[in-house]
């Protein structure tokens, strides 16, 4: 389950920012997660709760924004939405797509005290 290690990374970032910005409690963590990132949301939610225990983010609410995937079609030169890797272009049927977004995971916002 790589979601556990993702949450450990999130906690490290929170701890680093807490020292740099002088806060001691996190109320809410907002993540942007692309649909092509390979992250299983229920596993991430479970892991977040486990990893944050005993930390400054123990009571933090986790909010996840799922980011749709966009790809550029080399055949029709259009930007299109895709649901999974290796989908055909919904406009022309070509498989020559270059993913431009939707595979990312980032901390978008921390609400702190």
N, C-alpha and C. Protein backbone atom coordinates (compact mmCIF):
# COMPACT_ATOMS: atom_id res chain seq x y z
N UNK A 1 0.85 -1.17 0.00
CA UNK A 1 0.00 0.00 0.00
C UNK A 1 0.90 1.24 0.00
N UNK A 2 1.07 1.86 -1.15
CA UNK A 2 1.94 3.03 -1.22
C UNK A 2 1.27 4.29 -0.69
N UNK A 3 -0.03 4.23 -0.43
CA UNK A 3 -0.73 5.37 0.14
C UNK A 3 -0.19 5.72 1.52
N UNK A 4 0.26 4.70 2.27
CA UNK A 4 0.84 4.94 3.60
C UNK A 4 2.11 5.79 3.46
N UNK A 5 2.96 5.45 2.52
CA UNK A 5 4.19 6.24 2.34
C UNK A 5 3.88 7.64 1.80
N UNK A 6 2.83 7.77 1.01
CA UNK A 6 2.42 9.10 0.55
C UNK A 6 2.01 9.96 1.75
N UNK A 7 1.27 9.37 2.68
CA UNK A 7 0.85 10.12 3.87
C UNK A 7 2.04 10.45 4.77
N UNK A 8 3.01 9.57 4.83
CA UNK A 8 4.23 9.89 5.59
C UNK A 8 4.95 11.08 4.97
N UNK A 9 4.96 11.15 3.66
CA UNK A 9 5.54 12.31 2.97
C UNK A 9 4.77 13.58 3.24
N UNK A 10 3.45 13.48 3.28
CA UNK A 10 2.61 14.64 3.60
C UNK A 10 2.93 15.13 5.01
N UNK A 11 3.06 14.19 5.95
CA UNK A 11 3.38 14.57 7.32
C UNK A 11 4.74 15.26 7.40
N UNK A 12 5.72 14.77 6.66
CA UNK A 12 7.04 15.41 6.66
C UNK A 12 6.95 16.85 6.15
N UNK A 13 6.17 17.06 5.12
CA UNK A 13 5.97 18.41 4.58
C UNK A 13 5.29 19.30 5.62
N UNK A 14 4.27 18.77 6.28
CA UNK A 14 3.57 19.54 7.32
C UNK A 14 4.54 19.92 8.44
N UNK A 15 5.35 18.97 8.89
CA UNK A 15 6.29 19.25 9.97
C UNK A 15 7.33 20.30 9.56
N UNK A 16 7.81 20.21 8.34
CA UNK A 16 8.78 21.19 7.83
C UNK A 16 8.15 22.58 7.78
N UNK A 17 6.93 22.66 7.27
CA UNK A 17 6.24 23.96 7.18
C UNK A 17 5.88 24.50 8.55
N UNK A 18 5.56 23.61 9.50
CA UNK A 18 5.23 24.05 10.86
C UNK A 18 6.42 24.75 11.50
N UNK A 19 7.61 24.22 11.29
CA UNK A 19 8.82 24.85 11.82
C UNK A 19 9.08 26.18 11.11
N UNK A 20 8.95 26.19 9.80
CA UNK A 20 9.26 27.39 9.02
C UNK A 20 8.25 28.51 9.26
N UNK A 21 6.96 28.15 9.44
CA UNK A 21 5.92 29.17 9.53
C UNK A 21 5.34 29.32 10.93
N UNK A 22 5.89 28.59 11.90
CA UNK A 22 5.52 28.75 13.30
C UNK A 22 4.04 28.46 13.60
N UNK A 23 3.52 27.35 13.12
CA UNK A 23 2.17 26.94 13.54
C UNK A 23 2.28 25.62 14.28
N UNK A 24 1.26 25.33 15.11
CA UNK A 24 1.34 24.11 15.90
C UNK A 24 0.10 23.23 15.83
N UNK A 25 -0.81 23.55 14.93
CA UNK A 25 -1.98 22.70 14.72
C UNK A 25 -2.47 22.85 13.29
N UNK A 26 -2.82 21.72 12.69
CA UNK A 26 -3.38 21.72 11.34
C UNK A 26 -4.85 21.34 11.44
N UNK A 27 -5.71 22.20 10.89
CA UNK A 27 -7.15 21.94 10.93
C UNK A 27 -7.63 21.18 9.69
N UNK A 28 -7.02 21.51 8.54
CA UNK A 28 -7.49 20.92 7.29
C UNK A 28 -6.34 20.80 6.32
N UNK A 29 -6.33 19.68 5.59
CA UNK A 29 -5.35 19.44 4.53
C UNK A 29 -6.14 19.23 3.24
N UNK A 30 -5.84 20.02 2.23
CA UNK A 30 -6.51 19.90 0.94
C UNK A 30 -5.49 19.36 -0.07
N UNK A 31 -5.84 18.25 -0.69
CA UNK A 31 -4.98 17.63 -1.70
C UNK A 31 -5.64 17.69 -3.07
N UNK A 32 -4.85 17.93 -4.09
CA UNK A 32 -5.28 17.76 -5.48
C UNK A 32 -4.68 16.44 -5.96
N UNK A 33 -5.54 15.52 -6.39
CA UNK A 33 -5.06 14.21 -6.84
C UNK A 33 -5.66 13.93 -8.22
N UNK A 34 -4.79 13.73 -9.19
CA UNK A 34 -5.23 13.45 -10.55
C UNK A 34 -5.79 12.03 -10.67
N UNK A 35 -6.77 11.87 -11.55
CA UNK A 35 -7.40 10.56 -11.72
C UNK A 35 -6.44 9.52 -12.30
N UNK A 36 -5.34 9.97 -12.89
CA UNK A 36 -4.36 9.03 -13.43
C UNK A 36 -3.17 8.81 -12.49
N UNK A 37 -3.24 9.33 -11.27
CA UNK A 37 -2.11 9.26 -10.35
C UNK A 37 -1.87 7.87 -9.78
N UNK A 38 -2.86 7.01 -9.84
CA UNK A 38 -2.71 5.67 -9.28
C UNK A 38 -2.97 5.61 -7.78
N UNK A 39 -3.43 6.71 -7.21
CA UNK A 39 -3.73 6.76 -5.78
C UNK A 39 -5.14 6.24 -5.54
N UNK A 40 -5.26 5.29 -4.62
CA UNK A 40 -6.58 4.79 -4.23
C UNK A 40 -7.08 5.66 -3.09
N UNK A 41 -8.12 6.43 -3.35
CA UNK A 41 -8.62 7.43 -2.41
C UNK A 41 -9.02 6.80 -1.06
N UNK A 42 -9.80 5.71 -1.01
CA UNK A 42 -10.15 5.14 0.29
C UNK A 42 -8.92 4.69 1.09
N UNK A 43 -7.94 4.14 0.43
CA UNK A 43 -6.71 3.72 1.11
C UNK A 43 -5.94 4.93 1.62
N UNK A 44 -5.95 6.02 0.85
CA UNK A 44 -5.27 7.24 1.29
C UNK A 44 -5.97 7.83 2.50
N UNK A 45 -7.29 7.85 2.50
CA UNK A 45 -8.03 8.39 3.64
C UNK A 45 -7.74 7.58 4.91
N UNK A 46 -7.72 6.26 4.79
CA UNK A 46 -7.41 5.41 5.94
C UNK A 46 -5.98 5.66 6.41
N UNK A 47 -5.05 5.69 5.49
CA UNK A 47 -3.63 5.90 5.83
C UNK A 47 -3.41 7.26 6.47
N UNK A 48 -4.11 8.27 5.98
CA UNK A 48 -3.97 9.62 6.53
C UNK A 48 -4.32 9.62 8.01
N UNK A 49 -5.43 8.99 8.34
CA UNK A 49 -5.86 8.93 9.74
C UNK A 49 -4.82 8.22 10.61
N UNK A 50 -4.27 7.12 10.11
CA UNK A 50 -3.29 6.35 10.87
C UNK A 50 -1.98 7.13 11.03
N UNK A 51 -1.47 7.67 9.94
CA UNK A 51 -0.16 8.35 9.96
C UNK A 51 -0.20 9.64 10.78
N UNK A 52 -1.31 10.35 10.76
CA UNK A 52 -1.39 11.64 11.45
C UNK A 52 -1.58 11.51 12.96
N UNK A 53 -1.89 10.32 13.46
CA UNK A 53 -2.08 10.13 14.91
C UNK A 53 -0.85 10.59 15.67
N UNK A 54 -1.09 11.37 16.73
CA UNK A 54 0.00 11.84 17.57
C UNK A 54 0.79 13.01 16.99
N UNK A 55 0.37 13.53 15.84
CA UNK A 55 1.08 14.64 15.21
C UNK A 55 0.25 15.92 15.32
N UNK A 56 0.79 17.02 14.83
CA UNK A 56 0.05 18.28 14.85
C UNK A 56 -1.15 18.26 13.89
N UNK A 57 -1.24 17.23 13.07
CA UNK A 57 -2.36 17.11 12.13
C UNK A 57 -3.32 16.00 12.53
N UNK A 58 -3.25 15.58 13.80
CA UNK A 58 -4.08 14.45 14.25
C UNK A 58 -5.57 14.71 14.05
N UNK A 59 -6.03 15.90 14.29
CA UNK A 59 -7.46 16.22 14.16
C UNK A 59 -7.80 16.86 12.81
N UNK A 60 -6.86 16.87 11.90
CA UNK A 60 -7.07 17.56 10.62
C UNK A 60 -8.10 16.84 9.75
N UNK A 61 -8.91 17.64 9.11
CA UNK A 61 -9.86 17.14 8.11
C UNK A 61 -9.09 16.99 6.80
N UNK A 62 -9.32 15.89 6.10
CA UNK A 62 -8.70 15.67 4.80
C UNK A 62 -9.72 15.94 3.71
N UNK A 63 -9.39 16.86 2.82
CA UNK A 63 -10.25 17.16 1.67
C UNK A 63 -9.49 16.81 0.41
N UNK A 64 -10.11 16.02 -0.45
CA UNK A 64 -9.45 15.59 -1.68
C UNK A 64 -10.22 16.11 -2.89
N UNK A 65 -9.51 16.82 -3.75
CA UNK A 65 -10.07 17.28 -5.02
C UNK A 65 -9.53 16.37 -6.11
N UNK A 66 -10.42 15.66 -6.79
CA UNK A 66 -9.98 14.80 -7.90
C UNK A 66 -9.86 15.65 -9.15
N UNK A 67 -8.67 15.62 -9.75
CA UNK A 67 -8.37 16.43 -10.92
C UNK A 67 -8.55 15.58 -12.18
N UNK A 68 -9.39 16.01 -13.11
CA UNK A 68 -9.57 15.24 -14.34
C UNK A 68 -8.30 15.24 -15.19
N UNK A 69 -8.18 14.23 -16.01
CA UNK A 69 -7.00 14.10 -16.87
C UNK A 69 -7.23 14.78 -18.21
N UNK A 70 -6.22 15.52 -18.63
CA UNK A 70 -6.23 16.17 -19.93
C UNK A 70 -5.07 15.62 -20.74
N UNK A 71 -5.29 15.50 -22.05
CA UNK A 71 -4.23 15.03 -22.94
C UNK A 71 -4.31 15.84 -24.23
N UNK A 72 -3.16 15.93 -24.87
CA UNK A 72 -3.09 16.61 -26.16
C UNK A 72 -3.01 15.54 -27.24
N UNK A 73 -3.91 15.61 -28.20
CA UNK A 73 -3.93 14.65 -29.30
C UNK A 73 -3.02 15.13 -30.42
N UNK A 74 -2.04 14.31 -30.76
CA UNK A 74 -1.10 14.66 -31.82
C UNK A 74 -1.76 14.62 -33.21
N UNK A 75 -2.80 13.81 -33.33
CA UNK A 75 -3.47 13.65 -34.63
C UNK A 75 -4.36 14.85 -34.97
N UNK A 76 -5.25 15.22 -34.03
CA UNK A 76 -6.19 16.31 -34.34
C UNK A 76 -5.80 17.63 -33.68
N UNK A 77 -4.67 17.64 -32.95
CA UNK A 77 -4.15 18.85 -32.30
C UNK A 77 -5.16 19.51 -31.37
N UNK A 78 -5.85 18.68 -30.60
CA UNK A 78 -6.87 19.17 -29.68
C UNK A 78 -6.54 18.71 -28.27
N UNK A 79 -6.90 19.50 -27.29
CA UNK A 79 -6.78 19.10 -25.89
C UNK A 79 -8.08 18.42 -25.49
N UNK A 80 -7.97 17.20 -24.96
CA UNK A 80 -9.16 16.40 -24.66
C UNK A 80 -9.09 15.85 -23.24
N UNK A 81 -10.25 15.51 -22.70
CA UNK A 81 -10.33 14.87 -21.39
C UNK A 81 -10.31 13.36 -21.58
N UNK A 82 -9.48 12.67 -20.78
CA UNK A 82 -9.42 11.20 -20.83
C UNK A 82 -9.73 10.65 -19.45
N UNK A 83 -10.24 9.44 -19.42
CA UNK A 83 -10.60 8.81 -18.15
C UNK A 83 -9.51 7.88 -17.64
N UNK A 84 -8.71 7.34 -18.55
CA UNK A 84 -7.61 6.47 -18.15
C UNK A 84 -6.53 6.51 -19.22
N UNK A 85 -5.33 6.06 -18.83
CA UNK A 85 -4.22 6.03 -19.79
C UNK A 85 -4.57 5.10 -20.95
N UNK A 86 -4.05 5.42 -22.07
CA UNK A 86 -4.20 4.62 -23.30
C UNK A 86 -5.62 4.63 -23.85
N UNK A 87 -6.45 5.57 -23.41
CA UNK A 87 -7.74 5.78 -24.05
C UNK A 87 -7.50 6.39 -25.43
N UNK A 88 -8.44 6.17 -26.31
CA UNK A 88 -8.40 6.82 -27.62
C UNK A 88 -8.90 8.25 -27.49
N UNK A 89 -8.49 9.09 -28.41
CA UNK A 89 -8.98 10.47 -28.45
C UNK A 89 -10.49 10.45 -28.68
N UNK A 90 -11.26 11.12 -27.85
CA UNK A 90 -12.71 11.13 -28.05
C UNK A 90 -13.15 11.91 -29.29
N UNK A 91 -12.24 12.71 -29.84
CA UNK A 91 -12.58 13.50 -31.03
C UNK A 91 -12.31 12.74 -32.33
N UNK A 92 -11.11 12.11 -32.44
CA UNK A 92 -10.73 11.51 -33.72
C UNK A 92 -10.43 10.01 -33.64
N UNK A 93 -10.35 9.45 -32.42
CA UNK A 93 -10.08 8.02 -32.26
C UNK A 93 -8.61 7.65 -32.25
N UNK A 94 -7.72 8.61 -32.39
CA UNK A 94 -6.29 8.33 -32.39
C UNK A 94 -5.81 7.93 -30.99
N UNK A 95 -4.76 7.12 -30.96
CA UNK A 95 -4.15 6.73 -29.69
C UNK A 95 -2.85 7.51 -29.44
N UNK A 96 -2.60 8.52 -30.23
CA UNK A 96 -1.39 9.33 -30.07
C UNK A 96 -1.70 10.51 -29.15
N UNK A 97 -1.84 10.19 -27.87
CA UNK A 97 -2.17 11.21 -26.88
C UNK A 97 -1.00 11.42 -25.93
N UNK A 98 -0.78 12.65 -25.57
CA UNK A 98 0.24 13.00 -24.59
C UNK A 98 -0.46 13.61 -23.39
N UNK A 99 -0.39 12.93 -22.24
CA UNK A 99 -1.05 13.40 -21.03
C UNK A 99 -0.41 14.71 -20.58
N UNK A 100 -1.25 15.71 -20.31
CA UNK A 100 -0.74 17.01 -19.87
C UNK A 100 -1.12 17.33 -18.42
N UNK A 101 -2.14 16.66 -17.90
CA UNK A 101 -2.50 16.83 -16.49
C UNK A 101 -3.36 15.65 -16.06
N UNK A 102 -3.49 15.50 -14.74
CA UNK A 102 -4.31 14.43 -14.20
C UNK A 102 -3.51 13.31 -13.59
N UNK A 103 -2.17 13.40 -13.62
CA UNK A 103 -1.34 12.37 -13.01
C UNK A 103 -0.60 12.90 -11.78
N UNK A 104 -1.01 14.09 -11.31
CA UNK A 104 -0.30 14.73 -10.21
C UNK A 104 -0.97 14.45 -8.86
N UNK A 105 -0.19 14.70 -7.82
CA UNK A 105 -0.70 14.73 -6.45
C UNK A 105 0.05 15.83 -5.74
N UNK A 106 -0.69 16.80 -5.17
CA UNK A 106 -0.01 17.89 -4.47
C UNK A 106 -0.87 18.39 -3.31
N UNK A 107 -0.17 18.95 -2.34
CA UNK A 107 -0.86 19.61 -1.25
C UNK A 107 -1.25 20.99 -1.76
N UNK A 108 -2.53 21.22 -1.84
CA UNK A 108 -3.00 22.51 -2.36
C UNK A 108 -3.11 23.54 -1.25
N UNK A 109 -3.51 23.08 -0.06
CA UNK A 109 -3.77 24.06 1.00
C UNK A 109 -3.65 23.39 2.36
N UNK A 110 -3.15 24.14 3.33
CA UNK A 110 -3.15 23.75 4.74
C UNK A 110 -3.85 24.83 5.52
N UNK A 111 -4.86 24.46 6.29
CA UNK A 111 -5.51 25.41 7.20
C UNK A 111 -4.93 25.14 8.58
N UNK A 112 -4.32 26.15 9.18
CA UNK A 112 -3.55 25.94 10.40
C UNK A 112 -3.94 26.96 11.49
N UNK A 113 -3.52 26.64 12.71
CA UNK A 113 -3.63 27.55 13.85
C UNK A 113 -2.24 27.91 14.31
